[in-house]
C-alpha cells in the first residue's frame, strides 16, 4: 500500500530530473554554439557557459547516483523525438 506510491513518486521525480538534464544539455549546447560564432567573448558570457556546464555535470551525476532506469531515459528520448518531428 505505502510502497506503491513511493515507487510512483520516484519514477515521476526521475522523469523530471531527466527532462531537466536534457533541457540544460540543450541550453549548454546552444550557448557553446553561439559563443563559437563570436570572435571575442566577454567574461560574463564565459562564466555563463561554465555555469551551464557545471549545472549539467551536477544533474548528470545526480541522475547516475539515483540509478535512473533506462526505460525513463528511453521514454524521454521518444518524447523529444516526437516534439522534433512536430516542428
PDB file of N, CA and C in Angstrom:
ATOM      1  N   UNK A   1       0.816  -1.186   0.000  1.00  0.00           N
ATOM      2  CA  UNK A   1       0.000   0.000   0.000  1.00  0.00           C
ATOM      3  C   UNK A   1       0.863   1.254   0.000  1.00  0.00           C
ATOM      4  N   UNK A   2       1.753   1.371   0.966  1.00  0.00           N
ATOM      5  CA  UNK A   2       2.575   2.568   1.041  1.00  0.00           C
ATOM      6  C   UNK A   2       3.733   2.517   0.060  1.00  0.00           C
ATOM      7  N   UNK A   3       4.231   1.330  -0.234  1.00  0.00           N
ATOM      8  CA  UNK A   3       5.365   1.184  -1.137  1.00  0.00           C
ATOM      9  C   UNK A   3       5.047   1.564  -2.575  1.00  0.00           C
ATOM     10  N   UNK A   4       3.847   1.310  -3.015  1.00  0.00           N
ATOM     11  CA  UNK A   4       3.474   1.604  -4.405  1.00  0.00           C
ATOM     12  C   UNK A   4       3.531   3.100  -4.698  1.00  0.00           C
ATOM     13  N   UNK A   5       3.020   3.903  -3.794  1.00  0.00           N
ATOM     14  CA  UNK A   5       3.010   5.342  -4.018  1.00  0.00           C
ATOM     15  C   UNK A   5       4.432   5.875  -4.079  1.00  0.00           C
ATOM     16  N   UNK A   6       5.299   5.370  -3.244  1.00  0.00           N
ATOM     17  CA  UNK A   6       6.679   5.827  -3.220  1.00  0.00           C
ATOM     18  C   UNK A   6       7.366   5.515  -4.549  1.00  0.00           C
ATOM     19  N   UNK A   7       7.129   4.352  -5.093  1.00  0.00           N
ATOM     20  CA  UNK A   7       7.723   3.980  -6.375  1.00  0.00           C
ATOM     21  C   UNK A   7       7.219   4.922  -7.464  1.00  0.00           C
ATOM     22  N   UNK A   8       5.944   5.230  -7.442  1.00  0.00           N
ATOM     23  CA  UNK A   8       5.375   6.121  -8.440  1.00  0.00           C
ATOM     24  C   UNK A   8       5.977   7.522  -8.319  1.00  0.00           C
ATOM     25  N   UNK A   9       6.145   8.007  -7.098  1.00  0.00           N
ATOM     26  CA  UNK A   9       6.739   9.327  -6.880  1.00  0.00           C
ATOM     27  C   UNK A   9       8.181   9.330  -7.359  1.00  0.00           C
ATOM     28  N   UNK A  10       8.919   8.265  -7.065  1.00  0.00           N
ATOM     29  CA  UNK A  10      10.310   8.194  -7.500  1.00  0.00           C
ATOM     30  C   UNK A  10      10.395   8.215  -9.023  1.00  0.00           C
ATOM     31  N   UNK A  11       9.526   7.464  -9.679  1.00  0.00           N
ATOM     32  CA  UNK A  11       9.528   7.440 -11.147  1.00  0.00           C
ATOM     33  C   UNK A  11       9.210   8.818 -11.723  1.00  0.00           C
ATOM     34  N   UNK A  12       8.253   9.510 -11.113  1.00  0.00           N
ATOM     35  CA  UNK A  12       7.903  10.854 -11.588  1.00  0.00           C
ATOM     36  C   UNK A  12       9.073  11.817 -11.406  1.00  0.00           C
ATOM     37  N   UNK A  13       9.717  11.753 -10.254  1.00  0.00           N
ATOM     38  CA  UNK A  13      10.844  12.654  -9.989  1.00  0.00           C
ATOM     39  C   UNK A  13      12.047  12.305 -10.861  1.00  0.00           C
ATOM     40  N   UNK A  14      12.240  11.013 -11.123  1.00  0.00           N
ATOM     41  CA  UNK A  14      13.315  10.617 -12.034  1.00  0.00           C
ATOM     42  C   UNK A  14      13.065  11.177 -13.429  1.00  0.00           C
ATOM     43  N   UNK A  15      11.809  11.127 -13.853  1.00  0.00           N
ATOM     44  CA  UNK A  15      11.465  11.659 -15.175  1.00  0.00           C
ATOM     45  C   UNK A  15      11.683  13.174 -15.223  1.00  0.00           C
ATOM     46  N   UNK A  16      11.289  13.876 -14.160  1.00  0.00           N
ATOM     47  CA  UNK A  16      11.515  15.323 -14.099  1.00  0.00           C
ATOM     48  C   UNK A  16      13.006  15.644 -14.135  1.00  0.00           C
ATOM     49  N   UNK A  17      13.794  14.861 -13.411  1.00  0.00           N
ATOM     50  CA  UNK A  17      15.240  15.079 -13.387  1.00  0.00           C
ATOM     51  C   UNK A  17      15.839  14.882 -14.771  1.00  0.00           C
ATOM     52  N   UNK A  18      15.420  13.843 -15.465  1.00  0.00           N
ATOM     53  CA  UNK A  18      15.959  13.603 -16.801  1.00  0.00           C
ATOM     54  C   UNK A  18      15.522  14.683 -17.783  1.00  0.00           C
ATOM     55  N   UNK A  19      14.298  15.168 -17.659  1.00  0.00           N
ATOM     56  CA  UNK A  19      13.856  16.275 -18.516  1.00  0.00           C
ATOM     57  C   UNK A  19      14.720  17.504 -18.268  1.00  0.00           C
ATOM     58  N   UNK A  20      15.037  17.757 -17.004  1.00  0.00           N
ATOM     59  CA  UNK A  20      15.891  18.892 -16.661  1.00  0.00           C
ATOM     60  C   UNK A  20      17.302  18.694 -17.201  1.00  0.00           C
ATOM     61  N   UNK A  21      17.817  17.481 -17.109  1.00  0.00           N
ATOM     62  CA  UNK A  21      19.151  17.189 -17.644  1.00  0.00           C
ATOM     63  C   UNK A  21      19.183  17.461 -19.147  1.00  0.00           C
ATOM     64  N   UNK A  22      18.183  16.981 -19.867  1.00  0.00           N
ATOM     65  CA  UNK A  22      18.149  17.199 -21.317  1.00  0.00           C
ATOM     66  C   UNK A  22      17.988  18.677 -21.660  1.00  0.00           C
ATOM     67  N   UNK A  23      17.143  19.387 -20.898  1.00  0.00           N
ATOM     68  CA  UNK A  23      16.942  20.809 -21.163  1.00  0.00           C
ATOM     69  C   UNK A  23      18.232  21.597 -20.941  1.00  0.00           C
ATOM     70  N   UNK A  24      18.924  21.318 -19.844  1.00  0.00           N
ATOM     71  CA  UNK A  24      20.186  22.011 -19.553  1.00  0.00           C
ATOM     72  C   UNK A  24      21.232  21.648 -20.595  1.00  0.00           C
ATOM     73  N   UNK A  25      21.262  20.389 -21.018  1.00  0.00           N
ATOM     74  CA  UNK A  25      22.217  19.975 -22.050  1.00  0.00           C
ATOM     75  C   UNK A  25      21.982  20.736 -23.352  1.00  0.00           C
ATOM     76  N   UNK A  26      20.722  20.874 -23.730  1.00  0.00           N
ATOM     77  CA  UNK A  26      20.401  21.599 -24.960  1.00  0.00           C
ATOM     78  C   UNK A  26      20.751  23.080 -24.848  1.00  0.00           C
ATOM     79  N   UNK A  27      20.476  23.683 -23.688  1.00  0.00           N
ATOM     80  CA  UNK A  27      20.836  25.087 -23.475  1.00  0.00           C
ATOM     81  C   UNK A  27      22.344  25.274 -23.533  1.00  0.00           C
ATOM     82  N   UNK A  28      23.070  24.351 -22.919  1.00  0.00           N
ATOM     83  CA  UNK A  28      24.523  24.433 -22.907  1.00  0.00           C
ATOM     84  C   UNK A  28      25.070  24.313 -24.326  1.00  0.00           C
ATOM     85  N   UNK A  29      24.528  23.410 -25.106  1.00  0.00           N
ATOM     86  CA  UNK A  29      24.983  23.244 -26.489  1.00  0.00           C
ATOM     87  C   UNK A  29      24.686  24.492 -27.313  1.00  0.00           C
ATOM     88  N   UNK A  30      23.519  25.085 -27.102  1.00  0.00           N
ATOM     89  CA  UNK A  30      23.166  26.304 -27.835  1.00  0.00           C
ATOM     90  C   UNK A  30      24.094  27.455 -27.459  1.00  0.00           C
ATOM     91  N   UNK A  31      24.406  27.578 -26.168  1.00  0.00           N
ATOM     92  CA  UNK A  31      25.313  28.643 -25.734  1.00  0.00           C
ATOM     93  C   UNK A  31      26.708  28.433 -26.297  1.00  0.00           C
ATOM     94  N   UNK A  32      27.173  27.206 -26.284  1.00  0.00           N
ATOM     95  CA  UNK A  32      28.508  26.936 -26.832  1.00  0.00           C
ATOM     96  C   UNK A  32      28.563  27.232 -28.325  1.00  0.00           C
ATOM     97  N   UNK A  33      27.497  26.895 -29.040  1.00  0.00           N
ATOM     98  CA  UNK A  33      27.447  27.172 -30.471  1.00  0.00           C
ATOM     99  C   UNK A  33      27.445  28.682 -30.715  1.00  0.00           C
ATOM    100  N   UNK A  34      26.703  29.411 -29.896  1.00  0.00           N
ATOM    101  CA  UNK A  34      26.643  30.861 -30.020  1.00  0.00           C
ATOM    102  C   UNK A  34      27.998  31.494 -29.716  1.00  0.00           C
ATOM    103  N   UNK A  35      28.662  31.021 -28.675  1.00  0.00           N
ATOM    104  CA  UNK A  35      29.976  31.547 -28.296  1.00  0.00           C
ATOM    105  C   UNK A  35      30.995  31.253 -29.390  1.00  0.00           C
ATOM    106  N   UNK A  36      30.859  30.121 -30.044  1.00  0.00           N
ATOM    107  CA  UNK A  36      31.806  29.757 -31.102  1.00  0.00           C
ATOM    108  C   UNK A  36      31.709  30.699 -32.298  1.00  0.00           C
ATOM    109  N   UNK A  37      30.568  31.364 -32.463  1.00  0.00           N
ATOM    110  CA  UNK A  37      30.416  32.278 -33.597  1.00  0.00           C
ATOM    111  C   UNK A  37      31.041  33.645 -33.339  1.00  0.00           C
ATOM    112  N   UNK A  38      31.321  33.969 -32.084  1.00  0.00           N
ATOM    113  CA  UNK A  38      31.906  35.269 -31.749  1.00  0.00           C
ATOM    114  C   UNK A  38      33.418  35.224 -31.852  1.00  0.00           C
ATOM    115  N   UNK A  39      33.999  36.350 -32.224  1.00  0.00           N
ATOM    116  CA  UNK A  39      35.461  36.442 -32.224  1.00  0.00           C
ATOM    117  C   UNK A  39      35.980  36.657 -30.815  1.00  0.00           C
ATOM    118  N   UNK A  40      35.349  37.600 -30.121  1.00  0.00           N
ATOM    119  CA  UNK A  40      35.748  37.895 -28.750  1.00  0.00           C
ATOM    120  C   UNK A  40      34.556  37.649 -27.836  1.00  0.00           C
ATOM    121  N   UNK A  41      34.822  36.993 -26.741  1.00  0.00           N
ATOM    122  CA  UNK A  41      33.763  36.669 -25.794  1.00  0.00           C
ATOM    123  C   UNK A  41      34.105  37.319 -24.462  1.00  0.00           C
ATOM    124  N   UNK A  42      33.144  38.039 -23.882  1.00  0.00           N
ATOM    125  CA  UNK A  42      33.407  38.690 -22.602  1.00  0.00           C
ATOM    126  C   UNK A  42      33.378  37.670 -21.463  1.00  0.00           C
ATOM    127  N   UNK A  43      33.848  38.102 -20.315  1.00  0.00           N
ATOM    128  CA  UNK A  43      33.975  37.198 -19.165  1.00  0.00           C
ATOM    129  C   UNK A  43      32.616  36.728 -18.650  1.00  0.00           C
ATOM    130  N   UNK A  44      31.615  37.579 -18.735  1.00  0.00           N
ATOM    131  CA  UNK A  44      30.293  37.202 -18.252  1.00  0.00           C
ATOM    132  C   UNK A  44      29.726  36.036 -19.065  1.00  0.00           C
ATOM    133  N   UNK A  45      29.897  36.090 -20.362  1.00  0.00           N
ATOM    134  CA  UNK A  45      29.409  35.011 -21.221  1.00  0.00           C
ATOM    135  C   UNK A  45      30.177  33.724 -20.955  1.00  0.00           C
ATOM    136  N   UNK A  46      31.486  33.842 -20.785  1.00  0.00           N
ATOM    137  CA  UNK A  46      32.291  32.658 -20.466  1.00  0.00           C
ATOM    138  C   UNK A  46      31.842  32.041 -19.152  1.00  0.00           C
ATOM    139  N   UNK A  47      31.556  32.892 -18.168  1.00  0.00           N
ATOM    140  CA  UNK A  47      31.130  32.364 -16.873  1.00  0.00           C
ATOM    141  C   UNK A  47      29.745  31.721 -16.965  1.00  0.00           C
ATOM    142  N   UNK A  48      28.861  32.259 -17.816  1.00  0.00           N
ATOM    143  CA  UNK A  48      27.546  31.643 -18.002  1.00  0.00           C
ATOM    144  C   UNK A  48      27.663  30.264 -18.641  1.00  0.00           C
ATOM    145  N   UNK A  49      28.552  30.138 -19.612  1.00  0.00           N
ATOM    146  CA  UNK A  49      28.772  28.840 -20.254  1.00  0.00           C
ATOM    147  C   UNK A  49      29.346  27.850 -19.239  1.00  0.00           C
ATOM    148  N   UNK A  50      30.285  28.324 -18.423  1.00  0.00           N
ATOM    149  CA  UNK A  50      30.876  27.458 -17.399  1.00  0.00           C
ATOM    150  C   UNK A  50      29.833  27.057 -16.359  1.00  0.00           C
ATOM    151  N   UNK A  51      28.945  27.982 -16.013  1.00  0.00           N
ATOM    152  CA  UNK A  51      27.886  27.682 -15.051  1.00  0.00           C
ATOM    153  C   UNK A  51      26.919  26.637 -15.604  1.00  0.00           C
ATOM    154  N   UNK A  52      26.552  26.761 -16.868  1.00  0.00           N
ATOM    155  CA  UNK A  52      25.677  25.765 -17.503  1.00  0.00           C
ATOM    156  C   UNK A  52      26.349  24.394 -17.522  1.00  0.00           C
ATOM    157  N   UNK A  53      27.641  24.371 -17.820  1.00  0.00           N
ATOM    158  CA  UNK A  53      28.372  23.097 -17.847  1.00  0.00           C
ATOM    159  C   UNK A  53      28.417  22.475 -16.457  1.00  0.00           C
ATOM    160  N   UNK A  54      28.644  23.302 -15.434  1.00  0.00           N
ATOM    161  CA  UNK A  54      28.685  22.794 -14.063  1.00  0.00           C
ATOM    162  C   UNK A  54      27.314  22.272 -13.635  1.00  0.00           C
ATOM    163  N   UNK A  55      26.261  22.985 -14.015  1.00  0.00           N
ATOM    164  CA  UNK A  55      24.908  22.545 -13.686  1.00  0.00           C
ATOM    165  C   UNK A  55      24.598  21.217 -14.364  1.00  0.00           C
ATOM    166  N   UNK A  56      24.987  21.080 -15.629  1.00  0.00           N
ATOM    167  CA  UNK A  56      24.767  19.824 -16.340  1.00  0.00           C
ATOM    168  C   UNK A  56      25.529  18.684 -15.665  1.00  0.00           C
ATOM    169  N   UNK A  57      26.788  18.927 -15.309  1.00  0.00           N
ATOM    170  CA  UNK A  57      27.573  17.889 -14.641  1.00  0.00           C
ATOM    171  C   UNK A  57      26.923  17.462 -13.331  1.00  0.00           C
ATOM    172  N   UNK A  58      26.447  18.444 -12.559  1.00  0.00           N
ATOM    173  CA  UNK A  58      25.800  18.132 -11.288  1.00  0.00           C
ATOM    174  C   UNK A  58      24.547  17.291 -11.501  1.00  0.00           C
ATOM    175  N   UNK A  59      23.695  17.723 -12.420  1.00  0.00           N
ATOM    176  CA  UNK A  59      22.454  16.993 -12.667  1.00  0.00           C
ATOM    177  C   UNK A  59      22.719  15.600 -13.226  1.00  0.00           C
ATOM    178  N   UNK A  60      23.717  15.494 -14.097  1.00  0.00           N
ATOM    179  CA  UNK A  60      24.049  14.189 -14.671  1.00  0.00           C
ATOM    180  C   UNK A  60      24.543  13.238 -13.582  1.00  0.00           C
ATOM    181  N   UNK A  61      25.408  13.755 -12.697  1.00  0.00           N
ATOM    182  CA  UNK A  61      25.896  12.910 -11.598  1.00  0.00           C
ATOM    183  C   UNK A  61      24.761  12.510 -10.667  1.00  0.00           C
ATOM    184  N   UNK A  62      23.822  13.421 -10.432  1.00  0.00           N
ATOM    185  CA  UNK A  62      22.669  13.109  -9.593  1.00  0.00           C
ATOM    186  C   UNK A  62      21.829  12.000 -10.231  1.00  0.00           C
ATOM    187  N   UNK A  63      21.645  12.074 -11.534  1.00  0.00           N
ATOM    188  CA  UNK A  63      20.888  11.030 -12.233  1.00  0.00           C
ATOM    189  C   UNK A  63      21.615   9.693 -12.137  1.00  0.00           C
ATOM    190  N   UNK A  64      22.924   9.711 -12.268  1.00  0.00           N
ATOM    191  CA  UNK A  64      23.689   8.466 -12.150  1.00  0.00           C
ATOM    192  C   UNK A  64      23.620   7.912 -10.731  1.00  0.00           C
ATOM    193  N   UNK A  65      23.663   8.794  -9.741  1.00  0.00           N
ATOM    194  CA  UNK A  65      23.589   8.365  -8.348  1.00  0.00           C
ATOM    195  C   UNK A  65      22.233   7.731  -8.050  1.00  0.00           C
ATOM    196  N   UNK A  66      21.183   8.310  -8.600  1.00  0.00           N
ATOM    197  CA  UNK A  66      19.832   7.783  -8.388  1.00  0.00           C
ATOM    198  C   UNK A  66      19.574   6.511  -9.178  1.00  0.00           C
ATOM    199  N   UNK A  67      20.497   6.157 -10.075  1.00  0.00           N
ATOM    200  CA  UNK A  67      20.389   4.951 -10.898  1.00  0.00           C
ATOM    201  C   UNK A  67      19.058   4.922 -11.652  1.00  0.00           C
ATOM    202  N   UNK A  68      18.849   5.977 -12.412  1.00  0.00           N
ATOM    203  CA  UNK A  68      17.622   6.089 -13.193  1.00  0.00           C
ATOM    204  C   UNK A  68      17.601   4.986 -14.246  1.00  0.00           C
ATOM    205  N   UNK A  69      16.476   4.334 -14.353  1.00  0.00           N
ATOM    206  CA  UNK A  69      16.345   3.196 -15.257  1.00  0.00           C
ATOM    207  C   UNK A  69      16.340   3.637 -16.710  1.00  0.00           C
ATOM    208  N   UNK A  70      16.749   2.744 -17.568  1.00  0.00           N
ATOM    209  CA  UNK A  70      16.808   3.021 -18.991  1.00  0.00           C
ATOM    210  C   UNK A  70      15.452   3.296 -19.608  1.00  0.00           C
ATOM    211  N   UNK A  71      14.395   2.731 -19.013  1.00  0.00           N
ATOM    212  CA  UNK A  71      13.059   2.968 -19.546  1.00  0.00           C
ATOM    213  C   UNK A  71      12.686   4.445 -19.457  1.00  0.00           C
ATOM    214  N   UNK A  72      13.099   5.093 -18.369  1.00  0.00           N
ATOM    215  CA  UNK A  72      12.801   6.517 -18.199  1.00  0.00           C
ATOM    216  C   UNK A  72      13.527   7.321 -19.264  1.00  0.00           C
ATOM    217  N   UNK A  73      14.789   6.990 -19.481  1.00  0.00           N
ATOM    218  CA  UNK A  73      15.585   7.693 -20.486  1.00  0.00           C
ATOM    219  C   UNK A  73      14.995   7.463 -21.875  1.00  0.00           C
ATOM    220  N   UNK A  74      14.603   6.234 -22.169  1.00  0.00           N
ATOM    221  CA  UNK A  74      14.021   5.922 -23.478  1.00  0.00           C
ATOM    222  C   UNK A  74      12.696   6.649 -23.683  1.00  0.00           C
ATOM    223  N   UNK A  75      11.897   6.742 -22.633  1.00  0.00           N
ATOM    224  CA  UNK A  75      10.610   7.433 -22.731  1.00  0.00           C
ATOM    225  C   UNK A  75      10.816   8.910 -23.041  1.00  0.00           C
ATOM    226  N   UNK A  76      11.757   9.534 -22.356  1.00  0.00           N
ATOM    227  CA  UNK A  76      12.018  10.956 -22.573  1.00  0.00           C
ATOM    228  C   UNK A  76      12.618  11.181 -23.955  1.00  0.00           C
ATOM    229  N   UNK A  77      13.493  10.294 -24.377  1.00  0.00           N
ATOM    230  CA  UNK A  77      14.074  10.419 -25.720  1.00  0.00           C
ATOM    231  C   UNK A  77      12.983  10.304 -26.786  1.00  0.00           C
ATOM    232  N   UNK A  78      12.046   9.406 -26.587  1.00  0.00           N
ATOM    233  CA  UNK A  78      10.940   9.257 -27.539  1.00  0.00           C
ATOM    234  C   UNK A  78      10.076  10.514 -27.574  1.00  0.00           C
ATOM    235  N   UNK A  79       9.844  11.124 -26.410  1.00  0.00           N
ATOM    236  CA  UNK A  79       9.070  12.368 -26.363  1.00  0.00           C
ATOM    237  C   UNK A  79       9.792  13.486 -27.104  1.00  0.00           C
ATOM    238  N   UNK A  80      11.106  13.563 -26.931  1.00  0.00           N
ATOM    239  CA  UNK A  80      11.867  14.609 -27.614  1.00  0.00           C
ATOM    240  C   UNK A  80      11.863  14.390 -29.125  1.00  0.00           C
ATOM    241  N   UNK A  81      11.947  13.160 -29.556  1.00  0.00           N
ATOM    242  CA  UNK A  81      11.899  12.870 -30.993  1.00  0.00           C
ATOM    243  C   UNK A  81      10.535  13.258 -31.551  1.00  0.00           C
ATOM    244  N   UNK A  82       9.482  12.965 -30.808  1.00  0.00           N
ATOM    245  CA  UNK A  82       8.136  13.333 -31.256  1.00  0.00           C
ATOM    246  C   UNK A  82       7.988  14.850 -31.353  1.00  0.00           C
ATOM    247  N   UNK A  83       8.531  15.583 -30.386  1.00  0.00           N
ATOM    248  CA  UNK A  83       8.486  17.049 -30.435  1.00  0.00           C
ATOM    249  C   UNK A  83       9.268  17.564 -31.632  1.00  0.00           C
ATOM    250  N   UNK A  84      10.406  16.958 -31.900  1.00  0.00           N
ATOM    251  CA  UNK A  84      11.239  17.385 -33.019  1.00  0.00           C
ATOM    252  C   UNK A  84      10.518  17.162 -34.343  1.00  0.00           C
ATOM    253  N   UNK A  85       9.813  16.062 -34.451  1.00  0.00           N
ATOM    254  CA  UNK A  85       9.072  15.759 -35.681  1.00  0.00           C
ATOM    255  C   UNK A  85       7.913  16.727 -35.880  1.00  0.00           C
ATOM    256  N   UNK A  86       7.319  17.190 -34.775  1.00  0.00           N
ATOM    257  CA  UNK A  86       6.202  18.129 -34.864  1.00  0.00           C
ATOM    258  C   UNK A  86       6.650  19.503 -35.338  1.00  0.00           C
ATOM    259  N   UNK A  87       7.903  19.844 -35.118  1.00  0.00           N
ATOM    260  CA  UNK A  87       8.395  21.161 -35.546  1.00  0.00           C
ATOM    261  C   UNK A  87       8.551  21.161 -36.999  1.00  0.00           C
TER     262      UNK A  87
END
